[in-house]
Amino acid sequence: MIRIEIHGWQPGLMKVSHTQLLQEYAGLGLRDAHSATNHLLDGNVLSFEVSDCQMANTALKEFARIGAYARCSPASEPCA
């Protein structure tokens, strides 16, 4: 499993899209994904796991596209 951390955002973060991406990649329901987005906006780090490197790389690109700062956790499995 690959752990992804979302640790910040750029001004103009697309909050609705962020919530939708959390639903897609973290497997959260709407209520939990919305709460997680608000948790991030309060200055907290979010983390979740995806199954493989391809999914992790896709998720990182998608979060960057909407203005979120995301990375693979240093303690996560390395992607080749």
PDB file of N, CA and C in Angstrom:
ATOM      1  N   MET A   1       0.849  -1.190   0.000  1.00  0.00           N
ATOM      2  CA  MET A   1       0.000   0.000   0.000  1.00  0.00           C
ATOM      3  C   MET A   1       0.891   1.249   0.000  1.00  0.00           C
ATOM      4  N   ILE A   2       0.417   2.266  -0.663  1.00  0.00           N
ATOM      5  CA  ILE A   2       1.123   3.537  -0.763  1.00  0.00           C
ATOM      6  C   ILE A   2       0.329   4.576   0.021  1.00  0.00           C
ATOM      7  N   ARG A   3       0.986   5.223   0.973  1.00  0.00           N
ATOM      8  CA  ARG A   3       0.327   6.258   1.776  1.00  0.00           C
ATOM      9  C   ARG A   3       0.559   7.614   1.121  1.00  0.00           C
ATOM     10  N   ILE A   4      -0.531   8.343   0.925  1.00  0.00           N
ATOM     11  CA  ILE A   4      -0.485   9.694   0.371  1.00  0.00           C
ATOM     12  C   ILE A   4      -0.830  10.675   1.478  1.00  0.00           C
ATOM     13  N   GLU A   5      -0.065  11.752   1.542  1.00  0.00           N
ATOM     14  CA  GLU A   5      -0.315  12.825   2.506  1.00  0.00           C
ATOM     15  C   GLU A   5      -0.665  14.097   1.737  1.00  0.00           C
ATOM     16  N   ILE A   6      -1.727  14.737   2.148  1.00  0.00           N
ATOM     17  CA  ILE A   6      -2.080  16.058   1.625  1.00  0.00           C
ATOM     18  C   ILE A   6      -1.756  17.028   2.748  1.00  0.00           C
ATOM     19  N   HIS A   7      -0.810  17.909   2.488  1.00  0.00           N
ATOM     20  CA  HIS A   7      -0.254  18.726   3.563  1.00  0.00           C
ATOM     21  C   HIS A   7      -0.457  20.223   3.388  1.00  0.00           C
ATOM     22  N   GLY A   8      -1.235  20.620   2.420  1.00  0.00           N
ATOM     23  CA  GLY A   8      -1.494  22.042   2.246  1.00  0.00           C
ATOM     24  C   GLY A   8      -2.215  22.299   0.935  1.00  0.00           C
ATOM     25  N   TRP A   9      -2.400  23.557   0.614  1.00  0.00           N
ATOM     26  CA  TRP A   9      -3.127  23.936  -0.593  1.00  0.00           C
ATOM     27  C   TRP A   9      -2.678  25.295  -1.061  1.00  0.00           C
ATOM     28  N   GLN A  10      -2.908  25.536  -2.334  1.00  0.00           N
ATOM     29  CA  GLN A  10      -2.650  26.837  -2.941  1.00  0.00           C
ATOM     30  C   GLN A  10      -3.908  27.685  -2.809  1.00  0.00           C
ATOM     31  N   PRO A  11      -3.755  29.011  -2.825  1.00  0.00           N
ATOM     32  CA  PRO A  11      -4.952  29.847  -2.866  1.00  0.00           C
ATOM     33  C   PRO A  11      -5.798  29.460  -4.083  1.00  0.00           C
ATOM     34  N   GLY A  12      -7.079  29.381  -3.890  1.00  0.00           N
ATOM     35  CA  GLY A  12      -7.970  28.994  -4.974  1.00  0.00           C
ATOM     36  C   GLY A  12      -8.186  27.495  -5.073  1.00  0.00           C
ATOM     37  N   LEU A  13      -7.819  26.769  -4.008  1.00  0.00           N
ATOM     38  CA  LEU A  13      -8.048  25.332  -3.989  1.00  0.00           C
ATOM     39  C   LEU A  13      -9.487  25.037  -4.405  1.00  0.00           C
ATOM     40  N   MET A  14      -9.651  24.090  -5.294  1.00  0.00           N
ATOM     41  CA  MET A  14     -10.979  23.677  -5.754  1.00  0.00           C
ATOM     42  C   MET A  14     -11.550  22.700  -4.729  1.00  0.00           C
ATOM     43  N   LYS A  15     -12.268  23.266  -3.742  1.00  0.00           N
ATOM     44  CA  LYS A  15     -12.715  22.475  -2.585  1.00  0.00           C
ATOM     45  C   LYS A  15     -13.689  21.358  -2.947  1.00  0.00           C
ATOM     46  N   VAL A  16     -14.601  21.629  -3.836  1.00  0.00           N
ATOM     47  CA  VAL A  16     -15.553  20.586  -4.231  1.00  0.00           C
ATOM     48  C   VAL A  16     -14.815  19.459  -4.941  1.00  0.00           C
ATOM     49  N   SER A  17     -13.901  19.811  -5.826  1.00  0.00           N
ATOM     50  CA  SER A  17     -13.105  18.798  -6.521  1.00  0.00           C
ATOM     51  C   SER A  17     -12.233  18.028  -5.535  1.00  0.00           C
ATOM     52  N   HIS A  18     -11.708  18.709  -4.531  1.00  0.00           N
ATOM     53  CA  HIS A  18     -10.897  18.048  -3.511  1.00  0.00           C
ATOM     54  C   HIS A  18     -11.736  17.006  -2.783  1.00  0.00           C
ATOM     55  N   THR A  19     -12.935  17.370  -2.421  1.00  0.00           N
ATOM     56  CA  THR A  19     -13.842  16.436  -1.748  1.00  0.00           C
ATOM     57  C   THR A  19     -14.136  15.241  -2.656  1.00  0.00           C
ATOM     58  N   GLN A  20     -14.375  15.496  -3.925  1.00  0.00           N
ATOM     59  CA  GLN A  20     -14.654  14.413  -4.869  1.00  0.00           C
ATOM     60  C   GLN A  20     -13.450  13.490  -5.034  1.00  0.00           C
ATOM     61  N   LEU A  21     -12.247  14.051  -5.079  1.00  0.00           N
ATOM     62  CA  LEU A  21     -11.052  13.215  -5.195  1.00  0.00           C
ATOM     63  C   LEU A  21     -10.847  12.364  -3.955  1.00  0.00           C
ATOM     64  N   LEU A  22     -11.162  12.908  -2.790  1.00  0.00           N
ATOM     65  CA  LEU A  22     -11.074  12.096  -1.576  1.00  0.00           C
ATOM     66  C   LEU A  22     -12.061  10.941  -1.626  1.00  0.00           C
ATOM     67  N   GLN A  23     -13.233  11.191  -2.163  1.00  0.00           N
ATOM     68  CA  GLN A  23     -14.197  10.102  -2.317  1.00  0.00           C
ATOM     69  C   GLN A  23     -13.633   9.028  -3.252  1.00  0.00           C
ATOM     70  N   GLU A  24     -13.053   9.467  -4.353  1.00  0.00           N
ATOM     71  CA  GLU A  24     -12.550   8.529  -5.355  1.00  0.00           C
ATOM     72  C   GLU A  24     -11.325   7.749  -4.879  1.00  0.00           C
ATOM     73  N   TYR A  25     -10.331   8.449  -4.353  1.00  0.00           N
ATOM     74  CA  TYR A  25      -9.057   7.801  -4.033  1.00  0.00           C
ATOM     75  C   TYR A  25      -8.968   7.276  -2.606  1.00  0.00           C
ATOM     76  N   ALA A  26      -9.611   7.958  -1.668  1.00  0.00           N
ATOM     77  CA  ALA A  26      -9.540   7.501  -0.276  1.00  0.00           C
ATOM     78  C   ALA A  26     -10.725   6.610   0.084  1.00  0.00           C
ATOM     79  N   GLY A  27     -11.716   6.550  -0.798  1.00  0.00           N
ATOM     80  CA  GLY A  27     -12.872   5.707  -0.538  1.00  0.00           C
ATOM     81  C   GLY A  27     -13.804   6.238   0.536  1.00  0.00           C
ATOM     82  N   LEU A  28     -13.796   7.562   0.727  1.00  0.00           N
ATOM     83  CA  LEU A  28     -14.644   8.170   1.751  1.00  0.00           C
ATOM     84  C   LEU A  28     -16.025   8.473   1.189  1.00  0.00           C
ATOM     85  N   GLY A  29     -17.011   8.461   2.052  1.00  0.00           N
ATOM     86  CA  GLY A  29     -18.332   8.929   1.689  1.00  0.00           C
ATOM     87  C   GLY A  29     -18.329  10.448   1.626  1.00  0.00           C
ATOM     88  N   LEU A  30     -19.391  11.006   1.104  1.00  0.00           N
ATOM     89  CA  LEU A  30     -19.468  12.458   0.923  1.00  0.00           C
ATOM     90  C   LEU A  30     -19.264  13.216   2.236  1.00  0.00           C
ATOM     91  N   ARG A  31     -19.947  12.812   3.286  1.00  0.00           N
ATOM     92  CA  ARG A  31     -19.850  13.511   4.563  1.00  0.00           C
ATOM     93  C   ARG A  31     -18.413  13.480   5.100  1.00  0.00           C
ATOM     94  N   ASP A  32     -17.780  12.310   5.070  1.00  0.00           N
ATOM     95  CA  ASP A  32     -16.411  12.184   5.583  1.00  0.00           C
ATOM     96  C   ASP A  32     -15.409  12.920   4.700  1.00  0.00           C
ATOM     97  N   ALA A  33     -15.610  12.871   3.389  1.00  0.00           N
ATOM     98  CA  ALA A  33     -14.710  13.578   2.477  1.00  0.00           C
ATOM     99  C   ALA A  33     -14.822  15.088   2.680  1.00  0.00           C
ATOM    100  N   HIS A  34     -16.038  15.585   2.873  1.00  0.00           N
ATOM    101  CA  HIS A  34     -16.247  17.017   3.129  1.00  0.00           C
ATOM    102  C   HIS A  34     -15.586  17.422   4.452  1.00  0.00           C
ATOM    103  N   SER A  35     -15.754  16.605   5.474  1.00  0.00           N
ATOM    104  CA  SER A  35     -15.116  16.893   6.769  1.00  0.00           C
ATOM    105  C   SER A  35     -13.597  16.874   6.646  1.00  0.00           C
ATOM    106  N   ALA A  36     -13.067  15.937   5.864  1.00  0.00           N
ATOM    107  CA  ALA A  36     -11.619  15.861   5.673  1.00  0.00           C
ATOM    108  C   ALA A  36     -11.103  17.098   4.948  1.00  0.00           C
ATOM    109  N   THR A  37     -11.840  17.583   3.957  1.00  0.00           N
ATOM    110  CA  THR A  37     -11.440  18.812   3.257  1.00  0.00           C
ATOM    111  C   THR A  37     -11.405  19.980   4.239  1.00  0.00           C
ATOM    112  N   ASN A  38     -12.415  20.099   5.080  1.00  0.00           N
ATOM    113  CA  ASN A  38     -12.426  21.167   6.080  1.00  0.00           C
ATOM    114  C   ASN A  38     -11.287  20.993   7.086  1.00  0.00           C
ATOM    115  N   HIS A  39     -10.966  19.759   7.420  1.00  0.00           N
ATOM    116  CA  HIS A  39      -9.851  19.458   8.334  1.00  0.00           C
ATOM    117  C   HIS A  39      -8.539  19.963   7.720  1.00  0.00           C
ATOM    118  N   LEU A  40      -8.355  19.741   6.419  1.00  0.00           N
ATOM    119  CA  LEU A  40      -7.168  20.244   5.717  1.00  0.00           C
ATOM    120  C   LEU A  40      -7.128  21.762   5.768  1.00  0.00           C
ATOM    121  N   LEU A  41      -8.264  22.391   5.505  1.00  0.00           N
ATOM    122  CA  LEU A  41      -8.325  23.855   5.489  1.00  0.00           C
ATOM    123  C   LEU A  41      -8.084  24.462   6.869  1.00  0.00           C
ATOM    124  N   ASP A  42      -8.255  23.659   7.915  1.00  0.00           N
ATOM    125  CA  ASP A  42      -7.940  24.100   9.277  1.00  0.00           C
ATOM    126  C   ASP A  42      -6.456  23.955   9.589  1.00  0.00           C
ATOM    127  N   GLY A  43      -5.669  23.497   8.601  1.00  0.00           N
ATOM    128  CA  GLY A  43      -4.216  23.412   8.779  1.00  0.00           C
ATOM    129  C   GLY A  43      -3.693  22.037   9.136  1.00  0.00           C
ATOM    130  N   ASN A  44      -4.512  21.025   8.995  1.00  0.00           N
ATOM    131  CA  ASN A  44      -4.100  19.665   9.335  1.00  0.00           C
ATOM    132  C   ASN A  44      -3.663  18.896   8.092  1.00  0.00           C
ATOM    133  N   VAL A  45      -2.903  17.846   8.305  1.00  0.00           N
ATOM    134  CA  VAL A  45      -2.467  16.967   7.230  1.00  0.00           C
ATOM    135  C   VAL A  45      -3.461  15.816   7.105  1.00  0.00           C
ATOM    136  N   LEU A  46      -3.814  15.488   5.874  1.00  0.00           N
ATOM    137  CA  LEU A  46      -4.667  14.331   5.609  1.00  0.00           C
ATOM    138  C   LEU A  46      -3.799  13.211   5.071  1.00  0.00           C
ATOM    139  N   SER A  47      -4.131  11.993   5.386  1.00  0.00           N
ATOM    140  CA  SER A  47      -3.420  10.877   4.785  1.00  0.00           C
ATOM    141  C   SER A  47      -4.387   9.726   4.529  1.00  0.00           C
ATOM    142  N   PHE A  48      -4.080   8.988   3.490  1.00  0.00           N
ATOM    143  CA  PHE A  48      -4.863   7.809   3.127  1.00  0.00           C
ATOM    144  C   PHE A  48      -3.972   6.902   2.289  1.00  0.00           C
ATOM    145  N   GLU A  49      -4.415   5.672   2.093  1.00  0.00           N
ATOM    146  CA  GLU A  49      -3.631   4.709   1.337  1.00  0.00           C
ATOM    147  C   GLU A  49      -4.329   4.334   0.045  1.00  0.00           C
ATOM    148  N   VAL A  50      -3.501   4.110  -0.985  1.00  0.00           N
ATOM    149  CA  VAL A  50      -3.971   3.577  -2.255  1.00  0.00           C
ATOM    150  C   VAL A  50      -3.244   2.269  -2.512  1.00  0.00           C
ATOM    151  N   SER A  51      -3.750   1.487  -3.437  1.00  0.00           N
ATOM    152  CA  SER A  51      -3.265   0.122  -3.593  1.00  0.00           C
ATOM    153  C   SER A  51      -1.941  -0.018  -4.329  1.00  0.00           C
ATOM    154  N   ASP A  52      -1.617   0.912  -5.230  1.00  0.00           N
ATOM    155  CA  ASP A  52      -0.393   0.721  -6.019  1.00  0.00           C
ATOM    156  C   ASP A  52       0.195   2.048  -6.477  1.00  0.00           C
ATOM    157  N   CYS A  53       1.390   1.959  -7.069  1.00  0.00           N
ATOM    158  CA  CYS A  53       2.108   3.162  -7.490  1.00  0.00           C
ATOM    159  C   CYS A  53       1.394   3.911  -8.611  1.00  0.00           C
ATOM    160  N   GLN A  54       0.799   3.186  -9.524  1.00  0.00           N
ATOM    161  CA  GLN A  54       0.088   3.847 -10.617  1.00  0.00           C
ATOM    162  C   GLN A  54      -1.060   4.702 -10.067  1.00  0.00           C
ATOM    163  N   MET A  55      -1.821   4.156  -9.145  1.00  0.00           N
ATOM    164  CA  MET A  55      -2.918   4.915  -8.545  1.00  0.00           C
ATOM    165  C   MET A  55      -2.380   6.095  -7.740  1.00  0.00           C
ATOM    166  N   ALA A  56      -1.274   5.883  -7.027  1.00  0.00           N
ATOM    167  CA  ALA A  56      -0.666   6.967  -6.247  1.00  0.00           C
ATOM    168  C   ALA A  56      -0.229   8.104  -7.159  1.00  0.00           C
ATOM    169  N   ASN A  57       0.440   7.779  -8.252  1.00  0.00           N
ATOM    170  CA  ASN A  57       0.904   8.817  -9.172  1.00  0.00           C
ATOM    171  C   ASN A  57      -0.253   9.571  -9.802  1.00  0.00           C
ATOM    172  N   THR A  58      -1.305   8.859 -10.153  1.00  0.00           N
ATOM    173  CA  THR A  58      -2.495   9.509 -10.715  1.00  0.00           C
ATOM    174  C   THR A  58      -3.135  10.433  -9.685  1.00  0.00           C
ATOM    175  N   ALA A  59      -3.265   9.946  -8.462  1.00  0.00           N
ATOM    176  CA  ALA A  59      -3.864  10.765  -7.395  1.00  0.00           C
ATOM    177  C   ALA A  59      -3.031  12.019  -7.140  1.00  0.00           C
ATOM    178  N   LEU A  60      -1.712  11.883  -7.083  1.00  0.00           N
ATOM    179  CA  LEU A  60      -0.849  13.048  -6.849  1.00  0.00           C
ATOM    180  C   LEU A  60      -1.042  14.092  -7.937  1.00  0.00           C
ATOM    181  N   LYS A  61      -1.134  13.663  -9.189  1.00  0.00           N
ATOM    182  CA  LYS A  61      -1.349  14.602 -10.299  1.00  0.00           C
ATOM    183  C   LYS A  61      -2.706  15.283 -10.185  1.00  0.00           C
ATOM    184  N   GLU A  62      -3.731  14.512  -9.834  1.00  0.00           N
ATOM    185  CA  GLU A  62      -5.077  15.075  -9.724  1.00  0.00           C
ATOM    186  C   GLU A  62      -5.166  16.087  -8.579  1.00  0.00           C
ATOM    187  N   PHE A  63      -4.574  15.770  -7.438  1.00  0.00           N
ATOM    188  CA  PHE A  63      -4.605  16.717  -6.319  1.00  0.00           C
ATOM    189  C   PHE A  63      -3.813  17.976  -6.668  1.00  0.00           C
ATOM    190  N   ALA A  64      -2.685  17.835  -7.350  1.00  0.00           N
ATOM    191  CA  ALA A  64      -1.902  19.009  -7.762  1.00  0.00           C
ATOM    192  C   ALA A  64      -2.709  19.873  -8.735  1.00  0.00           C
ATOM    193  N   ARG A  65      -3.441  19.239  -9.642  1.00  0.00           N
ATOM    194  CA  ARG A  65      -4.236  19.956 -10.645  1.00  0.00           C
ATOM    195  C   ARG A  65      -5.272  20.877 -10.004  1.00  0.00           C
ATOM    196  N   ILE A  66      -5.820  20.460  -8.864  1.00  0.00           N
ATOM    197  CA  ILE A  66      -6.860  21.279  -8.229  1.00  0.00           C
ATOM    198  C   ILE A  66      -6.310  22.221  -7.167  1.00  0.00           C
ATOM    199  N   GLY A  67      -4.988  22.180  -6.937  1.00  0.00           N
ATOM    200  CA  GLY A  67      -4.375  23.123  -6.010  1.00  0.00           C
ATOM    201  C   GLY A  67      -4.020  22.586  -4.641  1.00  0.00           C
ATOM    202  N   ALA A  68      -3.975  21.274  -4.495  1.00  0.00           N
ATOM    203  CA  ALA A  68      -3.586  20.685  -3.199  1.00  0.00           C
ATOM    204  C   ALA A  68      -2.133  20.231  -3.272  1.00  0.00           C
ATOM    205  N   TYR A  69      -1.424  20.352  -2.160  1.00  0.00           N
ATOM    206  CA  TYR A  69      -0.051  19.866  -2.052  1.00  0.00           C
ATOM    207  C   TYR A  69      -0.102  18.454  -1.489  1.00  0.00           C
ATOM    208  N   ALA A  70       0.242  17.491  -2.325  1.00  0.00           N
ATOM    209  CA  ALA A  70       0.195  16.086  -1.915  1.00  0.00           C
ATOM    210  C   ALA A  70       1.529  15.428  -2.230  1.00  0.00           C
ATOM    211  N   ARG A  71       1.858  14.404  -1.451  1.00  0.00           N
ATOM    212  CA  ARG A  71       3.093  13.649  -1.660  1.00  0.00           C
ATOM    213  C   ARG A  71       2.899  12.238  -1.112  1.00  0.00           C
ATOM    214  N   CYS A  72       3.771  11.345  -1.543  1.00  0.00           N
ATOM    215  CA  CYS A  72       3.793  10.023  -0.937  1.00  0.00           C
ATOM    216  C   CYS A  72       4.512  10.144   0.395  1.00  0.00           C
ATOM    217  N   SER A  73       4.004   9.462   1.387  1.00  0.00           N
ATOM    218  CA  SER A  73       4.605   9.487   2.714  1.00  0.00           C
ATOM    219  C   SER A  73       5.995   8.878   2.662  1.00  0.00           C
ATOM    220  N   PRO A  74       6.959   9.487   3.346  1.00  0.00           N
ATOM    221  CA  PRO A  74       8.304   8.910   3.383  1.00  0.00           C
ATOM    222  C   PRO A  74       8.322   7.493   3.975  1.00  0.00           C
ATOM    223  N   ALA A  75       7.366   7.172   4.824  1.00  0.00           N
ATOM    224  CA  ALA A  75       7.318   5.849   5.437  1.00  0.00           C
ATOM    225  C   ALA A  75       6.579   4.832   4.563  1.00  0.00           C
ATOM    226  N   SER A  76       6.106   5.276   3.411  1.00  0.00           N
ATOM    227  CA  SER A  76       5.336   4.419   2.529  1.00  0.00           C
ATOM    228  C   SER A  76       6.259   3.512   1.713  1.00  0.00           C
ATOM    229  N   GLU A  77       5.678   2.511   1.089  1.00  0.00           N
ATOM    230  CA  GLU A  77       6.439   1.678   0.156  1.00  0.00           C
ATOM    231  C   GLU A  77       6.967   2.564  -0.953  1.00  0.00           C
ATOM    232  N   PRO A  78       8.199   2.343  -1.398  1.00  0.00           N
ATOM    233  CA  PRO A  78       8.716   3.152  -2.507  1.00  0.00           C
ATOM    234  C   PRO A  78       8.084   2.739  -3.832  1.00  0.00           C
ATOM    235  N   CYS A  79       7.859   3.702  -4.690  1.00  0.00           N
ATOM    236  CA  CYS A  79       7.373   3.421  -6.044  1.00  0.00           C
ATOM    237  C   CYS A  79       8.572   3.380  -6.984  1.00  0.00           C
ATOM    238  N   ALA A  80       8.598   2.372  -7.806  1.00  0.00           N
ATOM    239  CA  ALA A  80       9.711   2.245  -8.764  1.00  0.00           C
ATOM    240  C   ALA A  80       9.403   2.987 -10.039  1.00  0.00           C
TER     241      ALA A  80
END
